[in-house]
Amino acid sequence: MSERAFRELARTKRPYMTNNPRSENKGVFADASKELGLSSEAGVPLFKIDKDTFTKNGMVIPGNTPLFGFVILKRNRVFTTKEYKLLSRFIIQCGTILWGLYRKLYSNKA
């Protein structure tokens, strides 16, 4: 995995898209992507914020919210700006549900 891609995602806490991860040195698993013919990549952070808090905050992630994880999407066609925006918003919203379920799952464990 490219540490640069992860460090940038962790620093900015913003989704990214690259339509040539190998030459831009911005992607994750760039060599494997080339071998498999996956020319495009989008990375989306997941945050430690539940759905209710996210909704009450106007569907905006507060700047001090820590990361919970991240999702990398790869495909063999370029991402359009419209697709990228739609996917990144959808994944961030799904991440709020996932964080709530994760907390609920582990809140009962001692």
Protein backbone atom coordinates (compact mmCIF):
# COMPACT_ATOMS: atom_id res chain seq x y z
CA MET A 1 0.00 0.00 0.00
CA SER A 2 1.23 3.49 -0.78
CA GLU A 3 1.82 5.23 2.50
CA ARG A 4 1.61 8.55 0.68
CA ALA A 5 -1.99 7.91 -0.35
CA PHE A 6 -3.01 6.99 3.19
CA ARG A 7 -1.12 9.88 4.80
CA GLU A 8 -2.79 12.33 2.43
CA LEU A 9 -6.23 10.86 3.13
CA ALA A 10 -5.62 10.96 6.90
CA ARG A 11 -4.28 14.52 6.77
CA THR A 12 -7.01 16.07 4.61
CA LYS A 13 -9.88 13.79 5.71
CA ARG A 14 -11.30 14.27 2.23
CA PRO A 15 -12.12 11.78 -0.51
CA TYR A 16 -9.75 11.64 -3.45
CA MET A 17 -9.91 10.41 -7.02
CA THR A 18 -7.19 9.57 -9.48
CA ASN A 19 -7.63 8.29 -12.99
CA ASN A 20 -4.02 7.14 -13.19
CA PRO A 21 -2.88 5.96 -9.75
CA ARG A 22 0.44 4.55 -10.89
CA SER A 23 1.87 7.56 -12.71
CA GLU A 24 0.52 10.06 -10.18
CA ASN A 25 1.93 8.01 -7.26
CA LYS A 26 -1.32 8.71 -5.50
CA GLY A 27 -2.96 5.32 -5.54
CA VAL A 28 -3.02 2.24 -3.35
CA PHE A 29 -1.62 -1.05 -4.69
CA ALA A 30 -0.61 0.70 -7.94
CA ASP A 31 1.37 -2.26 -9.33
CA ALA A 32 -1.48 -4.72 -8.74
CA SER A 33 -3.90 -2.24 -10.28
CA LYS A 34 -1.81 -2.11 -13.44
CA GLU A 35 -1.63 -5.90 -13.66
CA LEU A 36 -5.41 -6.18 -13.29
CA GLY A 37 -6.14 -3.30 -15.68
CA LEU A 38 -7.74 -1.11 -13.02
CA SER A 39 -6.86 2.36 -14.23
CA SER A 40 -8.93 4.48 -11.85
CA GLU A 41 -9.21 4.79 -8.09
CA ALA A 42 -11.28 6.68 -5.55
CA GLY A 43 -10.54 6.73 -1.82
CA VAL A 44 -13.17 7.74 0.74
CA PRO A 45 -12.59 8.17 4.49
CA LEU A 46 -14.97 6.76 7.09
CA PHE A 47 -15.45 8.81 10.26
CA LYS A 48 -16.27 8.15 13.91
CA ILE A 49 -19.63 9.89 13.70
CA ASP A 50 -23.06 8.31 13.93
CA LYS A 51 -25.94 8.91 11.56
CA ASP A 52 -27.93 11.10 13.98
CA THR A 53 -25.02 13.44 14.71
CA PHE A 54 -24.17 13.61 11.01
CA THR A 55 -27.77 14.51 10.13
CA LYS A 56 -28.04 17.11 12.92
CA ASN A 57 -24.82 18.70 11.64
CA GLY A 58 -26.35 19.33 8.21
CA MET A 59 -24.72 16.24 6.64
CA VAL A 60 -21.29 17.79 7.17
CA ILE A 61 -18.44 16.06 9.00
CA PRO A 62 -17.01 18.31 11.74
CA GLY A 63 -13.32 19.05 11.20
CA ASN A 64 -12.16 17.43 14.44
CA THR A 65 -13.90 14.08 13.80
CA PRO A 66 -11.39 11.19 13.88
CA LEU A 67 -11.12 8.60 11.12
CA PHE A 68 -12.62 5.15 11.57
CA GLY A 69 -11.39 3.62 8.33
CA PHE A 70 -11.38 4.17 4.59
CA VAL A 71 -12.75 2.60 1.43
CA ILE A 72 -10.80 2.26 -1.81
CA LEU A 73 -12.73 1.74 -5.06
CA LYS A 74 -10.92 0.64 -8.21
CA ARG A 75 -12.23 0.15 -11.71
CA ASN A 76 -11.11 -0.16 -15.30
CA ARG A 77 -12.90 2.99 -16.55
CA VAL A 78 -12.26 6.56 -15.49
CA PHE A 79 -14.52 8.05 -12.82
CA THR A 80 -16.55 11.02 -13.95
CA THR A 81 -16.86 13.93 -11.54
CA LYS A 82 -20.55 13.16 -11.13
CA GLU A 83 -19.88 9.49 -10.29
CA TYR A 84 -17.11 10.45 -7.88
CA LYS A 85 -19.28 12.95 -5.99
CA LEU A 86 -22.20 10.52 -5.81
CA LEU A 87 -20.06 7.60 -4.62
CA SER A 88 -18.09 9.59 -2.06
CA ARG A 89 -21.24 11.09 -0.49
CA PHE A 90 -22.93 7.69 -0.43
CA ILE A 91 -19.94 5.96 1.17
CA ILE A 92 -19.55 8.68 3.82
CA GLN A 93 -23.25 8.31 4.71
CA CYS A 94 -22.91 4.52 4.83
CA GLY A 95 -19.87 5.00 7.06
CA THR A 96 -22.00 6.82 9.65
CA ILE A 97 -24.35 3.84 9.78
CA LEU A 98 -21.41 1.44 9.97
CA TRP A 99 -19.88 3.43 12.86
CA GLY A 100 -23.18 3.33 14.76
CA LEU A 101 -23.46 -0.44 14.27
CA TYR A 102 -19.83 -0.94 15.27
CA ARG A 103 -20.32 1.03 18.48
CA LYS A 104 -23.51 -0.84 19.28
CA LEU A 105 -21.84 -4.20 18.65
CA TYR A 106 -18.92 -3.49 20.96
CA SER A 107 -20.64 -1.35 23.62
CA ASN A 108 -22.06 -4.47 25.32
CA LYS A 109 -18.68 -6.21 25.52
CA ALA A 110 -16.66 -5.84 28.71
